[in-house]
Structure formats: C-alpha cells, structure tokens
Amino acid sequence: MSEDDSGPAFKKQKVHYGTLEETLRKEGGDDAIASGILAGNINISKGETFNLEEHTSEQKKNLLAEFARRKRARTLHVSTDDSMVKAKLREIGEPICLFAEDAADRRERLRQKLSQVGLTEFKGIRQEAEKEKKQKEENNKTWYHEGPQSLKSARMWIAEYSLPRAQKRIAESRLAVKIPETVRHAKKQELHNRLRNITAIGSEIGDTRPISFCRFSPNSQVLAMTSWSGLIKLWSVPEFQPIRTLRGHTNNVGGIAFHPEATVGRDESMFCMASCATDGSVKLWSMDSEEPLANVEGHDARVARIEFHPSGRFLGTACYDKSWRLWDLEVQEEILHQEGHSKEVYCIDFQCDGSLVATGGLDAFGRVWDLRTGRCVMFLQGHLQSVLAINFSPNGYTVATGSGDNSVKIWDLRQRKSVYNIPAHQNLVSGVKFQGTAGDYLLTCSHDSTAKIWAHPGWSPIATLAGHDSKIMGMDISTDGQYIATASYDRTFKLWASE
C-alpha cells in the first residue's frame, strides 16, 4: 500500500472514464471479460455501478422477512378437521388437493400459505383462531342449570341421609386400623388363598340371544340375567333353578339393578328391581310378578346402565343423549337432567354413603358429582378410549374405571388423581366391581373371554376365571362374597365359588 493510501486521510473514490474501451484498457481488465463485454455478451451500461452495501441490505431484509414468515407459520392455528382445511384452501384460491397429498400434508400446505399473507390478514386469522378456541372451551364447559324446588329438597334430604353414614364409615375405618397388622395380614392371606382356588360350580344356557348383564339380589339367593332378546330371567343361587321370566322390554336389555332392601325385608309386591333397554325404556318390577309395575318415561335415547341410590329412593340412569338423570321414585318425577359429557354416558355408580355419584362416557372421561351441591368434584382424565365401567370401593374414596383401551385405572378422591393403572386384559374391559363389604379385591371382566381378580391394595393378579367361549358382557359379586357370576355373549352364564 502506498503512502497516499495509508492513514486516516484515505477515502474511497469513484472514477469515471470516457468510454468503455478506455476503461478496460486503463484498468488492465481480463482479456476474456473484455472480449465478452465488447462482443455484447456481457452488458454493462455506461456509468453503471454496483453498490455492495445496498445489495447486502436487500439480502438481509429478505432473510428477516423469511424468518418472520416462519415464525408466523409456527404460531398459526390450523384446524385438524380436513374438511375445514379444504374449505380454507378454497377460500384463499388454492387447490384443495394435490396429487399424493394426505391430510397432514394438506394442513401443512395451508399453514405455509397462510404464513405468507400480510400482517393485517395474519391478525385476522389469529383472532379467528382464538375465537374458535374460546368457542371450543365453552362447549367443553360443565353447565349447571337451575333446577326445580323438588331438586333442592332432594339435595337437602341426601345431605341428611349421607352425613351420618359417612361418620359411621370413618369410625369403622379407624377401628379397623387399630387391629394389629399381623392379624389383618393373616386374614388377607386367607382370603387370597381362597380366591386362588375359585372354580366354576355351575354353567347354564340363559337365553337364545347373548346375555348382556347379571346382578345378585341383596340376600345373595337370586341372580337376575338380562338378554338381547328383551327378557329378564331370575335364577336361584346356588341351585341354578329358574324362578321367573320378566316380560316387558321389546329391545336389548342393557342393565338391571335391585332395590337395596329387596329380598331382605322389602315387600315383594312393591318395586324391587329396575331395568333399562336400548329403546330408552326403563321399567320397575316386583319380585312376585312377570309384568312391570311401572314405566319411567322421559328418555329419548338408549339407556345403557341403571343404578339405585343406597337409600332406594332415587334411581340413576346413564343415557346416550350425553347426560345422566336422577329420578325421585317417591314423587315419581325426574329431578335432575345433568349434562357434562361430550359423548354418550355409558355407566353410573353411587358411593356407599349416597353423597356422590360417578359417571363414565364414550368420550373417554369419567366424572364424580356431589349430589348435595350438584358440582362436579373430580374429573377422571387418563383413559385413551371409552369408559365402559365404573365402581366405588366400600371405603368411599377409591374409584375403579374400566375402558376400551384394555386397562383399569384406580382413582383416589382424596388425592384427586389416578394412583394406579392396571393393564388388565387383552381386549376392552366391560366390567369392574369391588368386593362389597370391605373392598379387599377387585373383579374385572373383558371381551377377551376372561374375568380376573386383583388384590387391593397392590393390584397384583390373584386368579383368572376362564371358561367362556366368547366375550364376557357382565359380572357381579354376591353380597356375602361367596359367589361370582359371569354373563357371556355365548348365551351362557357361570357361577364361581371356592372349592
């Protein structure tokens, strides 16, 4: 570098020459470039210059714009509904489908196209997405409706009924804790040994159509079987002798429940049972007649399961109109029509105190409701498919749910969470049932043609009841704990007991 080029006095200068030929000669340019320019293959206008700083600034601007577009693409909310994606593509003038493009590719293409619009349009899209999200949250919200005066009276009655029972249950649990651990452990070991030796003591063909449900009477001497033929049959236990056939339903009977005092003091001429069917019919039955005593009218869709409140005064129904209902049998009216599930409600069960009720639906969720306030006190979220069975433990705070994802989840209401997941079966779980007096074990049944017994607590497998040729639709444990009944799609039911 010469002295004129050094130091702070050096400045970049732009020098112009008279003609292109003179410039090439004075600069001593490359012969090939000069020849190309002179031949007209390289075109440079006279006096034209290239500003490197302006070129770099333009590149930076384009790069920042691309970064901003990608950022917008990441934050864009695009619907997962393929029909809505196609409608949006049609709206912005894009083809709704390209060759070999699937739904995921189409959604990504829409995202990229939307990210290329201006800032104003982008804000409009964000506002529309937020509005759609807010609407979805509103749809999933649990709604509480103002009920009649009879509902308020029923809630007060349930509170007065359940609180003494809860106090008694807690007092008994405290006494049980005081029993020496060695004694409790010995009793539990004896029970488990008896359950490991359980075997089928009888099997009968119950109907010409698949048997859908079964339930023991409170005195453990009668077994009620429901069938897809619309018939309900009563059998003596353990003799397996038919007692009576109840005729009244014209469609598949989905469930049956005994009044808590039936066969243990209640007059046989009064209603002692309730049943439900796929046509939405609910009927009340006595123990001494083949004809129904009354119809519970008001359901417009299938009623999947039915249960009596522990008091016997109320009846709960799980309905395919995405709701469950509570009926006051004394005043003979519906006092509660509770929504809350986004799909059909399939199962229902009352807590032993009578203060809570649990429901499960085909939306894969369960809910626990407080009957005294009407509030949903716990949301059971964790199953991947429909909740098809739900049951309270006699301890009052443990709930078991069986699902179409082949698993059983154990929920603790005190901790407000799932405390254990049992990979129970190889097909959907169609029933769960705690042992009725102390909840020392859990019984599950499945469409894999087996029923299984699980220890509580610990949830280790104790025994597998295998013998049916097809899926097991329902099962029950007798009140005295001596028998287990299973009802199958193969039209048979079996009675199990220890040897």
Protein backbone atom coordinates (compact mmCIF):
# COMPACT_ATOMS: atom_id res chain seq x y z
CA MET A 1 0.00 0.00 0.00
CA SER A 2 1.42 3.42 -0.94
CA GLU A 3 1.70 6.36 1.42
CA ASP A 4 -1.31 8.04 -0.25
CA ASP A 5 -3.44 5.01 0.56
CA SER A 6 -2.47 4.80 4.22
CA GLY A 7 -3.67 6.70 7.25
CA PRO A 8 -6.98 8.28 8.06
CA ALA A 9 -6.93 10.51 5.02
CA PHE A 10 -7.63 7.55 2.70
CA LYS A 11 -11.13 7.72 1.12
CA LYS A 12 -12.96 5.51 -1.32
CA GLN A 13 -13.28 7.30 -4.64
CA LYS A 14 -15.34 6.55 -7.71
CA VAL A 15 -13.52 7.25 -11.00
CA HIS A 16 -15.35 7.53 -14.35
CA TYR A 17 -13.62 7.22 -17.70
CA GLY A 18 -14.78 8.41 -21.04
CA THR A 19 -15.55 5.18 -22.88
CA LEU A 20 -15.84 1.51 -22.04
CA GLU A 21 -12.86 0.65 -24.25
CA GLU A 22 -10.69 3.20 -22.49
CA THR A 23 -11.75 1.92 -19.11
CA LEU A 24 -10.84 -1.64 -19.98
CA ARG A 25 -7.50 -0.55 -21.33
CA LYS A 26 -6.62 1.68 -18.38
CA GLU A 27 -7.79 -0.84 -15.74
CA GLY A 28 -5.99 -3.66 -17.46
CA GLY A 29 -9.05 -5.93 -17.23
CA ASP A 30 -9.13 -9.58 -18.04
CA ASP A 31 -8.98 -10.24 -21.80
CA ALA A 32 -11.86 -12.78 -21.70
CA ILE A 33 -14.14 -10.39 -19.77
CA ALA A 34 -13.14 -7.52 -22.02
CA SER A 35 -13.81 -9.56 -25.13
CA GLY A 36 -17.24 -10.62 -23.73
CA ILE A 37 -18.20 -7.05 -22.98
CA LEU A 38 -17.01 -5.80 -26.35
CA ALA A 39 -18.85 -8.64 -28.11
CA GLY A 40 -22.09 -7.70 -26.32
CA ASN A 41 -22.40 -10.93 -24.33
CA ILE A 42 -21.81 -9.03 -21.06
CA ASN A 43 -23.91 -5.91 -20.92
CA ILE A 44 -22.84 -3.02 -18.66
CA SER A 45 -24.40 0.33 -19.29
CA LYS A 46 -22.25 3.37 -19.43
CA GLY A 47 -21.69 4.81 -15.98
CA GLU A 48 -23.40 1.84 -14.21
CA THR A 49 -22.01 0.93 -10.80
CA PHE A 50 -22.74 -1.90 -8.31
CA ASN A 51 -23.42 -0.80 -4.70
CA LEU A 52 -22.37 -3.67 -2.44
CA GLU A 53 -23.91 -2.12 0.68
CA GLU A 54 -27.36 -1.80 -0.95
CA HIS A 55 -27.16 -5.42 -2.20
CA THR A 56 -26.27 -6.72 1.29
CA SER A 57 -29.07 -4.70 2.87
CA GLU A 58 -31.60 -6.18 0.43
CA GLN A 59 -30.45 -9.72 1.24
CA LYS A 60 -30.74 -9.02 4.98
CA LYS A 61 -34.23 -7.64 4.50
CA ASN A 62 -35.37 -10.73 2.60
CA LEU A 63 -33.81 -13.02 5.21
CA LEU A 64 -35.56 -11.25 8.08
CA ALA A 65 -38.85 -11.41 6.17
CA GLU A 66 -38.41 -15.18 5.75
CA PHE A 67 -37.66 -15.59 9.46
CA ALA A 68 -40.81 -13.60 10.30
CA ARG A 69 -42.86 -15.78 7.92
CA ARG A 70 -41.58 -18.97 9.52
CA LYS A 71 -42.33 -17.59 12.97
CA ARG A 72 -45.88 -16.79 11.88
CA ALA A 73 -46.22 -20.31 10.45
CA ARG A 74 -45.24 -21.85 13.80
CA THR A 75 -47.80 -19.79 15.73
CA LEU A 76 -50.66 -20.24 13.26
CA HIS A 77 -53.61 -22.30 14.50
CA VAL A 78 -54.78 -24.58 11.70
CA SER A 79 -57.76 -26.86 12.23
CA THR A 80 -57.19 -30.62 12.29
CA ASP A 81 -60.54 -31.13 10.58
CA ASP A 82 -59.69 -31.97 6.96
CA SER A 83 -62.98 -30.60 5.66
CA MET A 84 -62.24 -27.21 7.27
CA VAL A 85 -58.72 -27.25 5.82
CA LYS A 86 -60.13 -27.81 2.33
CA ALA A 87 -62.67 -25.03 2.83
CA LYS A 88 -59.93 -22.59 3.85
CA LEU A 89 -57.77 -23.55 0.87
CA ARG A 90 -60.71 -22.95 -1.44
CA GLU A 91 -61.30 -19.59 0.25
CA ILE A 92 -57.76 -18.34 -0.43
CA GLY A 93 -57.82 -19.60 -4.02
CA GLU A 94 -55.62 -22.67 -3.63
CA PRO A 95 -56.37 -26.20 -4.93
CA ILE A 96 -57.98 -28.24 -2.19
CA CYS A 97 -55.96 -31.33 -3.01
CA LEU A 98 -52.69 -32.12 -4.78
CA PHE A 99 -51.53 -35.43 -6.17
CA ALA A 100 -50.41 -37.91 -3.46
CA GLU A 101 -51.18 -35.36 -0.71
CA ASP A 102 -52.67 -36.65 2.53
CA ALA A 103 -54.48 -34.72 5.23
CA ALA A 104 -51.31 -33.86 7.17
CA ASP A 105 -49.55 -32.56 4.05
CA ARG A 106 -52.62 -30.52 3.13
CA ARG A 107 -52.74 -28.99 6.59
CA GLU A 108 -49.05 -28.04 6.39
CA ARG A 109 -49.54 -26.51 2.94
CA LEU A 110 -52.37 -24.38 4.30
CA ARG A 111 -50.17 -23.29 7.16
CA GLN A 112 -47.40 -22.18 4.79
CA LYS A 113 -49.85 -20.33 2.54
CA LEU A 114 -51.41 -18.52 5.46
CA SER A 115 -47.99 -17.51 6.76
CA GLN A 116 -47.34 -15.64 3.50
CA VAL A 117 -50.23 -13.19 3.88
CA GLY A 118 -49.79 -9.65 5.15
CA LEU A 119 -49.74 -8.64 8.81
CA THR A 120 -53.34 -7.40 8.77
CA GLU A 121 -54.62 -10.66 7.37
CA PHE A 122 -52.44 -12.57 9.82
CA LYS A 123 -54.01 -10.75 12.78
CA GLY A 124 -57.44 -11.58 11.41
CA ILE A 125 -56.53 -15.26 11.20
CA ARG A 126 -55.21 -15.20 14.78
CA GLN A 127 -58.39 -13.57 16.02
CA GLU A 128 -60.49 -16.15 14.19
CA ALA A 129 -58.42 -18.98 15.68
CA GLU A 130 -58.73 -17.54 19.19
CA LYS A 131 -62.48 -17.19 18.73
CA GLU A 132 -62.70 -20.84 17.62
CA LYS A 133 -60.61 -21.94 20.60
CA LYS A 134 -62.79 -19.96 23.01
CA GLN A 135 -65.93 -21.47 21.48
CA LYS A 136 -64.47 -24.96 21.89
CA GLU A 137 -63.70 -24.25 25.56
CA GLU A 138 -67.26 -23.05 26.07
CA ASN A 139 -68.59 -26.25 24.52
CA ASN A 140 -66.45 -28.38 26.87
CA LYS A 141 -67.51 -26.42 29.93
CA THR A 142 -69.71 -28.13 32.51
CA TRP A 143 -73.03 -26.34 32.60
CA TYR A 144 -75.15 -26.13 35.71
CA HIS A 145 -78.83 -25.37 35.18
CA GLU A 146 -81.29 -24.07 37.70
CA GLY A 147 -83.43 -26.95 38.92
CA PRO A 148 -86.92 -27.20 40.39
CA GLN A 149 -87.75 -26.84 44.06
CA SER A 150 -88.03 -30.63 44.28
CA LEU A 151 -84.31 -30.90 43.40
CA LYS A 152 -83.39 -28.57 46.27
CA SER A 153 -85.47 -30.65 48.64
CA ALA A 154 -83.84 -33.83 47.34
CA ARG A 155 -80.34 -32.39 47.83
CA MET A 156 -81.18 -31.48 51.42
CA TRP A 157 -82.59 -34.96 52.01
CA ILE A 158 -79.47 -36.61 50.53
CA ALA A 159 -77.21 -34.48 52.74
CA GLU A 160 -79.11 -35.50 55.87
CA TYR A 161 -79.02 -39.14 54.74
CA SER A 162 -75.34 -39.32 53.74
CA LEU A 163 -73.60 -37.43 56.57
CA PRO A 164 -74.41 -39.97 59.34
CA ARG A 165 -73.42 -42.82 57.04
CA ALA A 166 -70.10 -41.09 56.28
CA GLN A 167 -69.42 -40.62 60.00
CA LYS A 168 -70.14 -44.30 60.62
CA ARG A 169 -67.88 -45.39 57.75
CA ILE A 170 -65.00 -43.24 59.00
CA ALA A 171 -65.42 -44.54 62.54
CA GLU A 172 -65.31 -48.15 61.30
CA SER A 173 -62.20 -47.48 59.24
CA ARG A 174 -60.47 -46.04 62.31
CA LEU A 175 -61.35 -49.13 64.32
CA ALA A 176 -60.02 -51.34 61.52
CA VAL A 177 -56.67 -49.55 61.64
CA LYS A 178 -56.33 -50.41 65.33
CA ILE A 179 -56.41 -54.15 64.55
CA PRO A 180 -52.82 -55.50 64.70
CA GLU A 181 -51.18 -55.61 61.32
CA THR A 182 -50.31 -59.31 61.71
CA VAL A 183 -53.99 -60.17 62.19
CA ARG A 184 -55.04 -58.10 59.19
CA HIS A 185 -52.30 -59.64 57.06
CA ALA A 186 -53.31 -63.18 58.08
CA LYS A 187 -56.96 -62.54 57.17
CA LYS A 188 -55.97 -61.12 53.82
CA GLN A 189 -53.70 -64.08 53.08
CA GLU A 190 -56.53 -66.47 53.94
CA LEU A 191 -58.87 -64.60 51.57
CA HIS A 192 -56.34 -64.64 48.74
CA ASN A 193 -55.71 -68.36 49.18
CA ARG A 194 -59.45 -68.97 48.96
CA LEU A 195 -59.72 -66.86 45.80
CA ARG A 196 -56.84 -68.71 44.15
CA ASN A 197 -58.87 -71.93 44.48
CA ILE A 198 -62.00 -70.48 42.90
CA THR A 199 -63.63 -72.60 40.21
CA ALA A 200 -66.85 -72.80 38.18
CA ILE A 201 -69.54 -74.65 40.13
CA GLY A 202 -72.25 -74.32 37.51
CA SER A 203 -72.97 -73.20 33.96
CA GLU A 204 -76.29 -72.74 32.21
CA ILE A 205 -77.59 -71.59 28.84
CA GLY A 206 -79.51 -68.50 29.85
CA ASP A 207 -81.25 -67.47 26.63
CA THR A 208 -81.37 -67.83 22.86
CA ARG A 209 -79.65 -64.44 22.48
CA PRO A 210 -76.45 -63.11 24.09
CA ILE A 211 -76.68 -62.36 27.82
CA SER A 212 -75.86 -58.72 28.44
CA PHE A 213 -75.81 -58.27 32.23
CA CYS A 214 -76.23 -60.03 35.57
CA ARG A 215 -76.82 -58.92 39.14
CA PHE A 216 -77.17 -60.68 42.55
CA SER A 217 -80.01 -59.80 44.89
CA PRO A 218 -79.12 -58.26 48.29
CA ASN A 219 -79.66 -61.61 50.05
CA SER A 220 -77.36 -63.38 47.52
CA GLN A 221 -80.01 -66.01 46.77
CA VAL A 222 -81.35 -64.70 43.44
CA LEU A 223 -79.45 -63.96 40.24
CA ALA A 224 -81.07 -61.73 37.60
CA MET A 225 -79.94 -62.14 33.98
CA THR A 226 -80.72 -59.74 31.12
CA SER A 227 -80.62 -60.64 27.46
CA TRP A 228 -80.64 -59.16 23.98
CA SER A 229 -83.96 -60.93 23.50
CA GLY A 230 -85.60 -58.39 25.83
CA LEU A 231 -86.23 -60.97 28.57
CA ILE A 232 -85.11 -60.85 32.20
CA LYS A 233 -84.73 -64.17 33.97
CA LEU A 234 -84.41 -64.84 37.70
CA TRP A 235 -82.43 -67.88 38.87
CA SER A 236 -81.97 -69.35 42.33
CA VAL A 237 -78.44 -69.49 43.77
CA PRO A 238 -76.66 -71.86 44.01
CA GLU A 239 -79.23 -74.39 42.74
CA PHE A 240 -79.46 -72.77 39.30
CA GLN A 241 -83.20 -73.27 39.15
CA PRO A 242 -85.30 -70.82 37.09
CA ILE A 243 -87.64 -68.73 39.26
CA ARG A 244 -89.41 -66.34 36.91
CA THR A 245 -89.15 -64.69 33.49
CA LEU A 246 -89.94 -60.97 33.33
CA ARG A 247 -91.51 -59.85 30.07
CA GLY A 248 -91.98 -56.23 29.09
CA HIS A 249 -88.99 -54.99 27.11
CA THR A 250 -89.01 -55.33 23.33
CA ASN A 251 -85.33 -54.44 22.77
CA ASN A 252 -81.94 -55.41 24.13
CA VAL A 253 -81.91 -55.07 27.91
CA GLY A 254 -78.68 -53.35 28.94
CA GLY A 255 -78.79 -53.39 32.73
CA ILE A 256 -80.73 -54.31 35.86
CA ALA A 257 -80.48 -53.21 39.48
CA PHE A 258 -82.02 -54.44 42.74
CA HIS A 259 -83.50 -52.10 45.30
CA PRO A 260 -81.12 -52.06 48.33
CA GLU A 261 -83.83 -53.61 50.56
CA ALA A 262 -85.22 -56.11 48.05
CA THR A 263 -85.27 -59.70 49.38
CA VAL A 264 -84.07 -58.50 52.80
CA GLY A 265 -87.24 -57.01 54.24
CA ARG A 266 -88.98 -55.14 51.46
CA ASP A 267 -92.47 -56.32 50.47
CA GLU A 268 -92.22 -58.43 47.30
CA SER A 269 -95.27 -56.74 45.82
CA MET A 270 -93.50 -53.36 45.79
CA PHE A 271 -90.97 -52.40 43.15
CA CYS A 272 -87.77 -54.31 43.90
CA MET A 273 -85.92 -54.07 40.58
CA ALA A 274 -85.33 -51.62 37.75
CA SER A 275 -84.17 -52.38 34.21
CA CYS A 276 -83.25 -50.39 31.10
CA ALA A 277 -83.09 -51.11 27.36
CA THR A 278 -81.67 -49.73 24.13
CA ASP A 279 -85.02 -48.18 23.12
CA GLY A 280 -84.82 -45.83 26.12
CA SER A 281 -87.40 -47.68 28.20
CA VAL A 282 -86.93 -48.01 31.97
CA LYS A 283 -89.21 -50.36 33.92
CA LEU A 284 -89.82 -51.11 37.59
CA TRP A 285 -90.52 -54.69 38.68
CA SER A 286 -91.77 -56.53 41.75
CA MET A 287 -90.50 -59.91 42.93
CA ASP A 288 -93.84 -61.70 42.56
CA SER A 289 -95.00 -60.73 39.05
CA GLU A 290 -93.84 -61.19 35.48
CA GLU A 291 -95.29 -57.86 34.38
CA PRO A 292 -93.70 -54.46 35.11
CA LEU A 293 -95.24 -52.33 37.85
CA ALA A 294 -94.45 -49.01 36.16
CA ASN A 295 -92.56 -47.34 33.34
CA VAL A 296 -90.10 -44.50 33.97
CA GLU A 297 -90.77 -42.33 30.92
CA GLY A 298 -88.72 -39.45 29.62
CA HIS A 299 -85.67 -40.92 27.87
CA ASP A 300 -85.38 -40.20 24.15
CA ALA A 301 -82.21 -42.27 23.61
CA ARG A 302 -80.69 -45.55 24.72
CA VAL A 303 -80.26 -46.09 28.44
CA ALA A 304 -77.06 -48.08 28.93
CA ARG A 305 -76.90 -48.63 32.71
CA ILE A 306 -79.11 -48.08 35.73
CA GLU A 307 -78.44 -47.94 39.50
CA PHE A 308 -80.39 -47.39 42.72
CA HIS A 309 -79.23 -44.81 45.22
CA PRO A 310 -78.21 -46.53 48.51
CA SER A 311 -81.36 -45.12 50.10
CA GLY A 312 -83.55 -46.76 47.47
CA ARG A 313 -85.48 -43.52 46.98
CA PHE A 314 -83.62 -42.35 43.87
CA LEU A 315 -82.76 -44.00 40.58
CA GLY A 316 -79.83 -43.00 38.37
CA THR A 317 -79.76 -43.65 34.62
CA ALA A 318 -76.88 -43.30 32.13
CA CYS A 319 -78.22 -42.18 28.78
CA TYR A 320 -76.97 -41.94 25.21
CA ASP A 321 -78.15 -38.30 24.94
CA LYS A 322 -74.84 -37.32 26.63
CA SER A 323 -76.48 -36.93 30.03
CA TRP A 324 -77.31 -38.82 33.18
CA ARG A 325 -80.54 -38.42 35.11
CA LEU A 326 -81.75 -38.72 38.66
CA TRP A 327 -85.32 -39.82 39.36
CA ASP A 328 -87.17 -39.43 42.65
CA LEU A 329 -89.30 -42.57 42.91
CA GLU A 330 -91.32 -41.21 45.83
CA VAL A 331 -92.63 -38.19 43.93
CA GLN A 332 -92.40 -40.10 40.63
CA GLU A 333 -90.59 -37.45 38.63
CA GLU A 334 -87.23 -36.58 37.11
CA ILE A 335 -85.48 -34.11 39.39
CA LEU A 336 -82.10 -33.84 37.61
CA HIS A 337 -81.05 -33.98 33.97
CA GLN A 338 -77.29 -33.45 34.17
CA GLU A 339 -75.11 -32.80 31.14
CA GLY A 340 -71.32 -32.74 31.26
CA HIS A 341 -70.03 -35.45 28.92
CA SER A 342 -69.25 -34.66 25.28
CA LYS A 343 -70.37 -38.12 24.14
CA GLU A 344 -72.77 -40.82 25.30
CA VAL A 345 -72.84 -41.66 29.03
CA TYR A 346 -72.41 -45.40 29.42
CA CYS A 347 -72.03 -46.26 33.13
CA ILE A 348 -73.05 -44.91 36.53
CA ASP A 349 -72.45 -45.85 40.17
CA PHE A 350 -73.31 -44.36 43.59
CA GLN A 351 -70.95 -44.10 46.54
CA CYS A 352 -71.92 -46.17 49.60
CA ASP A 353 -72.71 -43.05 51.66
CA GLY A 354 -75.07 -41.78 48.96
CA SER A 355 -73.40 -38.37 48.68
CA LEU A 356 -71.50 -38.93 45.41
CA VAL A 357 -72.22 -40.44 42.02
CA ALA A 358 -69.68 -41.36 39.33
CA THR A 359 -70.36 -41.49 35.61
CA GLY A 360 -68.29 -42.69 32.66
CA GLY A 361 -68.78 -41.97 28.98
CA LEU A 362 -67.72 -42.82 25.47
CA ASP A 363 -65.69 -39.57 25.49
CA ALA A 364 -63.03 -41.49 27.49
CA PHE A 365 -63.66 -39.39 30.61
CA GLY A 366 -65.24 -40.03 33.97
CA ARG A 367 -66.79 -37.53 36.37
CA VAL A 368 -67.58 -37.61 40.07
CA TRP A 369 -70.57 -35.49 41.12
CA ASP A 370 -71.63 -34.28 44.56
CA LEU A 371 -75.37 -34.90 44.84
CA ARG A 372 -75.67 -32.45 47.74
CA THR A 373 -74.37 -29.44 45.76
CA GLY A 374 -74.64 -30.58 42.14
CA ARG A 375 -70.96 -29.82 41.48
CA CYS A 376 -68.54 -31.97 39.52
CA VAL A 377 -65.91 -32.55 42.22
CA MET A 378 -63.42 -34.62 40.18
CA PHE A 379 -62.66 -35.08 36.50
CA LEU A 380 -61.29 -38.55 35.66
CA GLN A 381 -59.00 -37.97 32.68
CA GLY A 382 -56.44 -40.53 31.55
CA HIS A 383 -58.09 -43.29 29.52
CA LEU A 384 -57.42 -43.42 25.79
CA GLN A 385 -60.82 -44.86 24.85
CA SER A 386 -64.38 -45.07 26.17
CA VAL A 387 -65.02 -45.60 29.88
CA LEU A 388 -67.33 -48.62 29.93
CA ALA A 389 -67.44 -49.49 33.65
CA ILE A 390 -67.13 -47.57 36.91
CA ASN A 391 -67.41 -48.63 40.55
CA PHE A 392 -66.88 -47.16 44.03
CA SER A 393 -64.99 -49.09 46.67
CA PRO A 394 -66.72 -49.60 50.04
CA ASN A 395 -64.03 -47.35 51.58
CA GLY A 396 -65.82 -44.42 49.92
CA TYR A 397 -62.83 -42.72 48.30
CA THR A 398 -61.46 -45.22 45.77
CA VAL A 399 -62.96 -45.48 42.28
CA ALA A 400 -62.15 -48.04 39.57
CA THR A 401 -62.80 -47.42 35.87
CA GLY A 402 -62.62 -49.93 33.02
CA SER A 403 -62.04 -48.77 29.47
CA GLY A 404 -61.94 -49.75 25.84
CA ASP A 405 -58.16 -49.27 25.99
CA ASN A 406 -57.98 -52.66 27.84
CA SER A 407 -56.89 -51.06 31.11
CA VAL A 408 -58.33 -50.37 34.55
CA LYS A 409 -57.45 -47.18 36.41
CA ILE A 410 -57.66 -46.69 40.17
CA TRP A 411 -58.53 -43.18 41.35
CA ASP A 412 -58.14 -41.70 44.84
CA LEU A 413 -60.67 -38.94 45.56
CA ARG A 414 -58.55 -37.67 48.46
CA GLN A 415 -55.51 -37.12 46.22
CA ARG A 416 -57.72 -36.17 43.26
CA LYS A 417 -55.70 -38.24 40.80
CA SER A 418 -55.15 -41.69 39.34
CA VAL A 419 -52.94 -43.70 41.68
CA TYR A 420 -52.57 -46.90 39.65
CA ASN A 421 -53.05 -48.21 36.13
CA ILE A 422 -53.70 -51.94 35.66
CA PRO A 423 -53.00 -53.35 32.18
CA ALA A 424 -55.78 -55.77 32.94
CA HIS A 425 -56.88 -57.51 29.73
CA GLN A 426 -56.17 -58.13 26.07
CA ASN A 427 -59.48 -56.63 24.96
CA LEU A 428 -61.83 -53.94 26.22
CA VAL A 429 -62.85 -54.05 29.88
CA SER A 430 -66.62 -54.49 30.15
CA GLY A 431 -67.00 -54.54 33.94
CA VAL A 432 -65.29 -53.62 37.24
CA LYS A 433 -66.56 -54.48 40.72
CA PHE A 434 -65.08 -54.15 44.22
CA GLN A 435 -65.82 -56.84 46.78
CA GLY A 436 -68.88 -55.45 48.51
CA THR A 437 -68.17 -55.47 52.25
CA ALA A 438 -64.55 -54.36 52.63
CA GLY A 439 -63.26 -53.94 49.08
CA ASP A 440 -60.46 -56.45 49.68
CA TYR A 441 -60.25 -57.32 46.00
CA LEU A 442 -61.34 -56.07 42.59
CA LEU A 443 -63.07 -58.15 39.92
CA THR A 444 -62.80 -57.24 36.24
CA CYS A 445 -64.20 -58.84 33.09
CA SER A 446 -63.40 -58.33 29.44
CA HIS A 447 -64.21 -59.16 25.86
CA ASP A 448 -61.11 -61.39 25.89
CA SER A 449 -63.45 -64.05 27.45
CA THR A 450 -61.88 -63.89 30.92
CA ALA A 451 -62.58 -62.37 34.31
CA LYS A 452 -59.74 -61.56 36.70
CA ILE A 453 -59.37 -60.97 40.43
CA TRP A 454 -56.90 -58.33 41.66
CA ALA A 455 -55.60 -57.77 45.18
CA HIS A 456 -56.40 -54.50 46.95
CA PRO A 457 -54.16 -52.74 47.67
CA GLY A 458 -51.19 -53.65 45.48
CA TRP A 459 -53.32 -54.67 42.50
CA SER A 460 -51.42 -57.89 41.89
CA PRO A 461 -53.32 -60.64 39.99
CA ILE A 462 -54.81 -63.34 42.20
CA ALA A 463 -56.86 -65.53 39.82
CA THR A 464 -58.13 -65.70 36.25
CA LEU A 465 -61.63 -67.07 35.58
CA ALA A 466 -61.53 -68.67 32.14
CA GLY A 467 -64.17 -70.90 30.60
CA HIS A 468 -66.46 -68.85 28.38
CA ASP A 469 -66.27 -69.30 24.62
CA SER A 470 -66.92 -65.65 23.85
CA LYS A 471 -66.66 -62.17 25.36
CA ILE A 472 -67.93 -61.60 28.89
CA MET A 473 -70.60 -58.91 28.88
CA GLY A 474 -71.16 -58.56 32.64
CA MET A 475 -70.36 -59.97 36.07
CA ASP A 476 -71.20 -59.48 39.74
CA ILE A 477 -70.11 -60.48 43.24
CA SER A 478 -72.71 -61.71 45.70
CA THR A 479 -73.31 -59.56 48.78
CA ASP A 480 -71.99 -62.25 51.11
CA GLY A 481 -68.86 -62.64 48.97
CA GLN A 482 -69.38 -66.37 48.41
CA TYR A 483 -70.16 -66.35 44.68
CA ILE A 484 -69.14 -64.67 41.45
CA ALA A 485 -71.39 -64.70 38.38
CA THR A 486 -70.32 -64.03 34.79
CA ALA A 487 -72.59 -63.48 31.78
CA SER A 488 -71.32 -64.02 28.26
CA TYR A 489 -72.06 -63.34 24.62
CA ASP A 490 -72.01 -67.13 24.14
CA ARG A 491 -75.53 -67.14 25.78
CA THR A 492 -74.31 -68.85 28.95
CA PHE A 493 -73.73 -67.67 32.49
CA LYS A 494 -71.46 -69.27 35.04
CA LEU A 495 -71.35 -69.36 38.83
CA TRP A 496 -67.91 -69.39 40.52
CA ALA A 497 -67.01 -70.25 44.10
CA SER A 498 -64.09 -71.57 46.13
CA GLU A 499 -63.67 -75.31 46.42
